Protein backbone atom coordinates (compact mmCIF):
# COMPACT_ATOMS: atom_id res chain seq x y z
CA UNK A 1 -47.75 77.01 14.99
CA UNK A 2 -48.66 74.49 12.26
CA UNK A 3 -47.51 75.43 8.83
CA UNK A 4 -49.78 75.37 5.89
CA UNK A 5 -48.72 73.90 2.53
CA UNK A 6 -47.26 76.23 0.00
CA UNK A 7 -49.96 77.81 -2.36
CA UNK A 8 -49.93 76.41 -5.77
CA UNK A 9 -50.40 79.96 -7.19
CA UNK A 10 -49.85 83.48 -6.06
CA UNK A 11 -51.57 86.77 -6.96
CA UNK A 12 -49.18 89.68 -7.07
CA UNK A 13 -50.70 93.19 -6.90
CA UNK A 14 -48.09 95.60 -8.40
CA UNK A 15 -48.04 98.96 -6.45
CA UNK A 16 -44.91 100.52 -7.91
CA UNK A 17 -46.65 103.09 -10.13
CA UNK A 18 -48.32 104.51 -7.11
CA UNK A 19 -46.29 103.77 -4.05
CA UNK A 20 -43.03 103.96 -6.00
CA UNK A 21 -43.65 107.38 -7.49
CA UNK A 22 -45.42 109.11 -4.76
CA UNK A 23 -42.29 108.89 -2.45
CA UNK A 24 -39.91 110.34 -5.02
CA UNK A 25 -38.51 113.83 -4.57
CA UNK A 26 -39.94 115.14 -7.81
CA UNK A 27 -43.03 114.45 -9.99
CA UNK A 28 -42.66 112.39 -13.13
CA UNK A 29 -44.59 113.09 -16.35
CA UNK A 30 -47.68 110.99 -17.11
CA UNK A 31 -45.98 109.87 -20.34
CA UNK A 32 -43.11 108.02 -18.43
CA UNK A 33 -45.38 106.48 -15.81
CA UNK A 34 -47.74 105.11 -18.59
CA UNK A 35 -44.69 103.65 -20.35
CA UNK A 36 -43.76 101.72 -17.28
CA UNK A 37 -47.35 100.60 -16.61
CA UNK A 38 -47.56 99.25 -20.10
CA UNK A 39 -44.31 97.42 -19.59
CA UNK A 40 -45.81 95.89 -16.47
CA UNK A 41 -48.87 94.97 -18.53
CA UNK A 42 -46.67 93.19 -21.11
CA UNK A 43 -45.14 91.23 -18.37
CA UNK A 44 -48.69 89.94 -17.53
CA UNK A 45 -49.27 91.61 -14.31
CA UNK A 46 -53.02 91.88 -14.08
CA UNK A 47 -53.57 94.00 -10.87
CA UNK A 48 -51.72 97.32 -10.85
CA UNK A 49 -52.19 100.30 -8.39
CA UNK A 50 -51.36 103.28 -10.58
CA UNK A 51 -52.25 106.41 -8.46
CA UNK A 52 -53.36 107.72 -5.22
CA UNK A 53 -56.04 110.21 -4.70
CA UNK A 54 -54.73 112.48 -2.11
CA UNK A 55 -54.18 116.18 -1.78
CA UNK A 56 -51.89 117.59 -4.40
CA UNK A 57 -50.41 119.94 -2.04
CA UNK A 58 -49.32 117.24 0.41
CA UNK A 59 -48.27 114.62 -2.43
CA UNK A 60 -47.61 116.64 -5.56
CA UNK A 61 -46.37 113.56 -7.39
CA UNK A 62 -50.02 112.43 -7.59
CA UNK A 63 -51.67 115.61 -8.44
CA UNK A 64 -52.34 114.44 -11.96
CA UNK A 65 -53.95 111.25 -10.84
CA UNK A 66 -57.23 111.69 -12.92
CA UNK A 67 -55.34 112.54 -16.05
CA UNK A 68 -53.22 109.45 -15.93
CA UNK A 69 -56.13 107.16 -15.20
CA UNK A 70 -57.94 108.34 -18.27
CA UNK A 71 -54.92 107.23 -20.39
CA UNK A 72 -54.63 103.86 -19.15
CA UNK A 73 -54.59 100.91 -21.56
CA UNK A 74 -57.71 98.75 -21.86
CA UNK A 75 -57.69 95.15 -22.16
CA UNK A 76 -59.69 92.13 -20.79
CA UNK A 77 -58.49 90.82 -17.36
CA UNK A 78 -56.55 94.07 -16.52
CA UNK A 79 -57.47 95.47 -13.06
CA UNK A 80 -56.15 99.06 -12.43
CA UNK A 81 -56.78 100.56 -8.96
CA UNK A 82 -55.99 103.75 -6.98
CA UNK A 83 -55.39 104.24 -3.34
CA UNK A 84 -57.89 106.44 -1.34
CA UNK A 85 -57.77 107.22 2.40
CA UNK A 86 -61.01 109.29 2.65
CA UNK A 87 -64.31 109.58 1.11
CA UNK A 88 -63.21 112.32 -1.18
CA UNK A 89 -60.44 110.31 -2.56
CA UNK A 90 -62.74 107.37 -3.14
CA UNK A 91 -65.24 109.58 -4.94
CA UNK A 92 -62.41 110.83 -7.26
CA UNK A 93 -61.55 107.42 -8.14
CA UNK A 94 -65.09 106.32 -8.86
CA UNK A 95 -65.64 109.46 -11.05
CA UNK A 96 -63.02 108.34 -13.43
CA UNK A 97 -64.96 105.44 -14.43
CA UNK A 98 -61.83 103.44 -15.21
CA UNK A 99 -60.76 101.86 -12.00
CA UNK A 100 -61.59 98.50 -10.27
CA UNK A 101 -61.48 99.82 -6.85
CA UNK A 102 -62.81 97.50 -4.07
CA UNK A 103 -64.33 98.59 -0.83
CA UNK A 104 -61.24 98.85 1.34
CA UNK A 105 -61.03 100.11 5.11
CA UNK A 106 -57.75 101.51 6.40
CA UNK A 107 -56.43 101.60 9.90
CA UNK A 108 -53.33 101.17 11.99
CA UNK A 109 -52.58 100.16 15.68
CA UNK A 110 -50.46 103.28 15.72
CA UNK A 111 -52.54 106.43 16.50
CA UNK A 112 -49.40 108.56 15.73
CA UNK A 113 -49.06 107.10 12.06
CA UNK A 114 -52.80 107.71 11.66
CA UNK A 115 -52.49 111.34 12.58
CA UNK A 116 -49.72 111.75 10.12
CA UNK A 117 -51.26 109.72 7.36
CA UNK A 118 -54.94 110.55 7.39
CA UNK A 119 -55.43 112.96 10.26
CA UNK A 120 -57.48 110.41 12.15
CA UNK A 121 -57.36 108.17 15.22
CA UNK A 122 -57.71 104.38 15.84
CA UNK A 123 -61.21 104.94 17.29
CA UNK A 124 -62.20 107.22 14.36
CA UNK A 125 -61.36 104.51 11.82
CA UNK A 126 -63.42 102.05 13.61
CA UNK A 127 -66.31 104.38 13.93
CA UNK A 128 -66.23 105.17 10.29
CA UNK A 129 -67.02 101.65 9.18
CA UNK A 130 -70.81 102.44 8.94
CA UNK A 131 -70.14 105.52 6.85
CA UNK A 132 -67.87 103.63 4.43
CA UNK A 133 -70.46 100.91 4.15
CA UNK A 134 -73.15 103.31 2.98
CA UNK A 135 -70.83 105.08 0.70
CA UNK A 136 -69.72 101.84 -0.92
CA UNK A 137 -73.19 100.56 -1.31
CA UNK A 138 -74.11 103.83 -3.05
CA UNK A 139 -71.66 102.78 -5.75
CA UNK A 140 -72.81 99.12 -5.92
CA UNK A 141 -70.08 97.73 -3.65
CA UNK A 142 -69.67 96.35 -0.26
CA UNK A 143 -66.82 96.21 2.12
CA UNK A 144 -63.98 94.02 0.73
CA UNK A 145 -60.99 94.22 2.83
CA UNK A 146 -59.05 95.86 5.89
CA UNK A 147 -55.58 97.14 5.32
CA UNK A 148 -53.68 97.22 8.72
CA UNK A 149 -50.63 99.48 8.40
CA UNK A 150 -47.73 99.11 10.79
CA UNK A 151 -48.96 95.55 11.62
CA UNK A 152 -45.41 94.52 12.81
CA UNK A 153 -44.15 97.90 14.02
CA UNK A 154 -44.26 101.57 13.86
CA UNK A 155 -41.34 104.18 13.29
CA UNK A 156 -43.14 106.40 15.73
CA UNK A 157 -44.48 104.03 18.55
CA UNK A 158 -42.02 101.01 18.18
CA UNK A 159 -42.94 97.33 18.32
CA UNK A 160 -46.58 96.25 17.83
CA UNK A 161 -47.65 93.09 19.41
CA UNK A 162 -49.69 90.31 17.50
CA UNK A 163 -52.38 90.66 20.38
CA UNK A 164 -52.78 94.43 19.60
CA UNK A 165 -53.24 93.70 15.80
CA UNK A 166 -55.81 91.06 16.51
CA UNK A 167 -57.69 93.11 19.00
CA UNK A 168 -57.91 95.88 16.41
CA UNK A 169 -59.06 93.53 13.75
CA UNK A 170 -61.74 92.09 16.04
CA UNK A 171 -62.96 95.60 16.58
CA UNK A 172 -63.46 96.02 12.78
CA UNK A 173 -65.11 92.66 12.55
CA UNK A 174 -67.80 93.75 15.00
CA UNK A 175 -68.19 97.18 13.30
CA UNK A 176 -68.69 95.30 9.94
CA UNK A 177 -71.10 92.89 11.39
CA UNK A 178 -73.11 95.86 12.88
CA UNK A 179 -73.23 97.39 9.40
CA UNK A 180 -74.44 94.20 7.74
CA UNK A 181 -71.01 93.59 6.10
CA UNK A 182 -68.10 91.15 6.46
CA UNK A 183 -64.54 91.24 5.61
CA UNK A 184 -63.16 89.24 2.72
CA UNK A 185 -59.49 89.93 3.20
CA UNK A 186 -57.10 91.28 5.78
CA UNK A 187 -53.93 92.85 4.24
CA UNK A 188 -51.11 93.14 6.85
CA UNK A 189 -48.65 96.00 5.87
CA UNK A 190 -45.25 96.09 7.22
CA UNK A 191 -45.12 99.81 6.55
CA UNK A 192 -41.60 100.45 7.81
CA UNK A 193 -40.08 96.93 7.34
CA UNK A 194 -39.89 95.93 10.91
CA UNK A 195 -41.21 92.38 10.42
CA UNK A 196 -39.11 89.26 10.43
CA UNK A 197 -40.01 85.77 9.39
CA UNK A 198 -41.11 84.52 12.72
CA UNK A 199 -43.32 87.67 13.39
CA UNK A 200 -44.91 87.14 9.97
CA UNK A 201 -45.65 83.56 10.65
CA UNK A 202 -47.03 84.20 14.25
CA UNK A 203 -49.35 86.88 13.22
CA UNK A 204 -50.71 85.10 10.01
CA UNK A 205 -51.16 81.84 11.91
CA UNK A 206 -53.02 83.69 14.71
CA UNK A 207 -55.41 85.16 12.22
CA UNK A 208 -56.15 81.88 10.50
CA UNK A 209 -59.00 80.86 12.83
CA UNK A 210 -60.98 83.82 11.58
CA UNK A 211 -61.31 82.10 8.17
CA UNK A 212 -60.45 85.26 6.27
CA UNK A 213 -57.80 85.20 3.58
CA UNK A 214 -54.57 87.29 4.72
CA UNK A 215 -52.38 89.23 2.16
CA UNK A 216 -49.15 90.75 2.78
CA UNK A 217 -47.66 94.30 2.02
CA UNK A 218 -44.06 93.94 2.87
CA UNK A 219 -41.17 96.53 2.82
CA UNK A 220 -37.49 95.67 2.63
CA UNK A 221 -36.05 98.38 5.10
CA UNK A 222 -33.83 96.00 6.92
CA UNK A 223 -33.19 93.33 4.11
CA UNK A 224 -35.74 90.86 5.34
CA UNK A 225 -38.40 91.53 2.79
CA UNK A 226 -38.09 88.43 0.59
CA UNK A 227 -37.51 86.30 3.70
CA UNK A 228 -40.68 87.57 5.04
CA UNK A 229 -42.58 86.68 1.73
CA UNK A 230 -41.32 83.18 2.05
CA UNK A 231 -42.74 83.04 5.67
CA UNK A 232 -45.97 84.16 4.40
CA UNK A 233 -45.88 81.48 1.67
CA UNK A 234 -45.16 78.84 4.40
CA UNK A 235 -48.28 79.98 6.17
CA UNK A 236 -50.39 79.67 3.03
CA UNK A 237 -50.50 83.40 1.96
CA UNK A 238 -51.38 83.73 -1.75
CA UNK A 239 -51.63 87.44 -2.26
CA UNK A 240 -48.74 89.83 -2.07
CA UNK A 241 -48.29 93.50 -2.83
CA UNK A 242 -44.95 94.35 -4.42
CA UNK A 243 -43.28 97.20 -6.30
CA UNK A 244 -41.11 96.90 -9.44
CA UNK A 245 -37.55 97.34 -8.68
CA UNK A 246 -38.27 97.77 -5.03
CA UNK A 247 -39.51 101.23 -5.37
CA UNK A 248 -41.67 102.71 -2.65
CA UNK A 249 -41.95 103.85 0.97
CA UNK A 250 -44.49 106.03 2.73
CA UNK A 251 -44.29 109.81 2.61
CA UNK A 252 -45.73 110.17 6.14
CA UNK A 253 -43.39 107.69 7.82
CA UNK A 254 -39.61 108.43 8.55
CA UNK A 255 -37.28 105.69 7.39
CA UNK A 256 -39.72 103.79 5.25
CA UNK A 257 -37.85 102.10 2.54
CA UNK A 258 -39.23 100.49 -0.58
CA UNK A 259 -41.40 97.53 -1.01
CA UNK A 260 -40.20 93.99 -1.86
CA UNK A 261 -39.28 94.05 -5.47
CA UNK A 262 -41.88 92.36 -7.67
CA UNK A 263 -39.24 90.50 -9.75
CA UNK A 264 -37.68 89.16 -6.48
CA UNK A 265 -41.05 87.84 -5.32
CA UNK A 266 -41.82 86.35 -8.79
CA UNK A 267 -38.27 84.80 -9.03
CA UNK A 268 -38.79 83.23 -5.52
CA UNK A 269 -42.13 81.68 -6.41
CA UNK A 270 -40.98 80.33 -9.68
CA UNK A 271 -37.99 78.80 -8.03
CA UNK A 272 -40.12 76.81 -5.56
CA UNK A 273 -42.75 75.85 -8.09
CA UNK A 274 -45.47 78.51 -7.33
CA UNK A 275 -47.19 79.84 -10.40
CA UNK A 276 -47.72 83.78 -10.66
CA UNK A 277 -48.91 84.02 -14.30
CA UNK A 278 -46.02 86.72 -14.67
CA UNK A 279 -43.37 86.54 -17.34
CA UNK A 280 -40.15 87.22 -15.53
CA UNK A 281 -38.09 88.12 -18.52
CA UNK A 282 -40.48 90.90 -19.52
CA UNK A 283 -40.74 91.98 -15.69
CA UNK A 284 -36.96 92.38 -15.71
CA UNK A 285 -37.38 94.69 -18.77
CA UNK A 286 -39.98 96.73 -16.80
CA UNK A 287 -37.43 97.05 -13.87
CA UNK A 288 -34.82 98.24 -16.36
CA UNK A 289 -37.20 100.92 -17.59
CA UNK A 290 -38.06 101.87 -14.12
CA UNK A 291 -34.44 102.34 -13.31
CA UNK A 292 -34.01 104.46 -16.52
CA UNK A 293 -36.97 106.68 -15.72
CA UNK A 294 -35.92 107.27 -12.05
CA UNK A 295 -32.22 107.70 -13.10
CA UNK A 296 -30.77 105.89 -9.96
CA UNK A 297 -30.03 102.42 -9.20
CA UNK A 298 -33.01 100.40 -7.78
CA UNK A 299 -32.61 97.77 -4.97
CA UNK A 300 -34.28 94.84 -6.54
CA UNK A 301 -31.73 91.97 -6.25
CA UNK A 302 -32.80 89.74 -9.08
CA UNK A 303 -32.77 92.70 -11.59
CA UNK A 304 -29.19 93.72 -10.42
CA UNK A 305 -28.02 90.08 -10.66
CA UNK A 306 -29.51 89.64 -14.18
CA UNK A 307 -28.00 92.90 -15.48
CA UNK A 308 -24.56 91.92 -13.96
CA UNK A 309 -24.67 88.57 -15.68
CA UNK A 310 -25.46 90.14 -19.06
CA UNK A 311 -22.37 92.32 -18.68
CA UNK A 312 -20.13 89.24 -18.30
């Protein structure tokens, strides 16, 4: 495994307003969530996932997705997105006219996870590629990326080998080619936080021959989140999904803790000379606001350390 040089700049996609709030035990008003989104914008985050288009009876925290989207701020360079898992969710997002949703495919090597998360199977997600391609093209888009949940392990089925993930991705590459499409990004999601730095490096390195940019969506269930970010950086990964304060989890996966904290990722990058374009001081203010809204301490380490130092 030959390490790559560290990237000079990293893109951070903020997922807290979506993934963070959808896992909480109650719904929070649009006013408070917009206040947090605006704080994230002030910190110069430019890609923010704000809602998920899912069934309100399954995830009531996101039942007001369209209403929130219509109240988002507008500014040049801002990219707001919403998660969708099926065609109806994609159509809902497109109808708002306010989101920069790309053409994403979703899968997992875990059939059990897929049944819980989207009532589908591995074979069904592969077979659906042609249909997704047609739908995206109807909206002037092509297939952009593939999100692979449980890339490093599954709470239901246990460890997942790199060979299994690679084989699954190869099936999607073939399906995309048959539909006249190609993948521009592969996002490896550590949905339940079972990755470790070596498994991250191994899988990212194994995918390098494909020539497709790899991004990482990491969780901090067992405290290895930021170490896994560094492992990804060592392999040249330059796109990370993170959540303010470490909010997050998956409502359909037992034991899924929060994502790596955005401020922790930014701090790490700045400490080793990698640009993010994010203002850390304002990001810490956004973390403070998130904690105030939620009403309980958040797990992000840099925010907690900064708050403790201010009290001394």
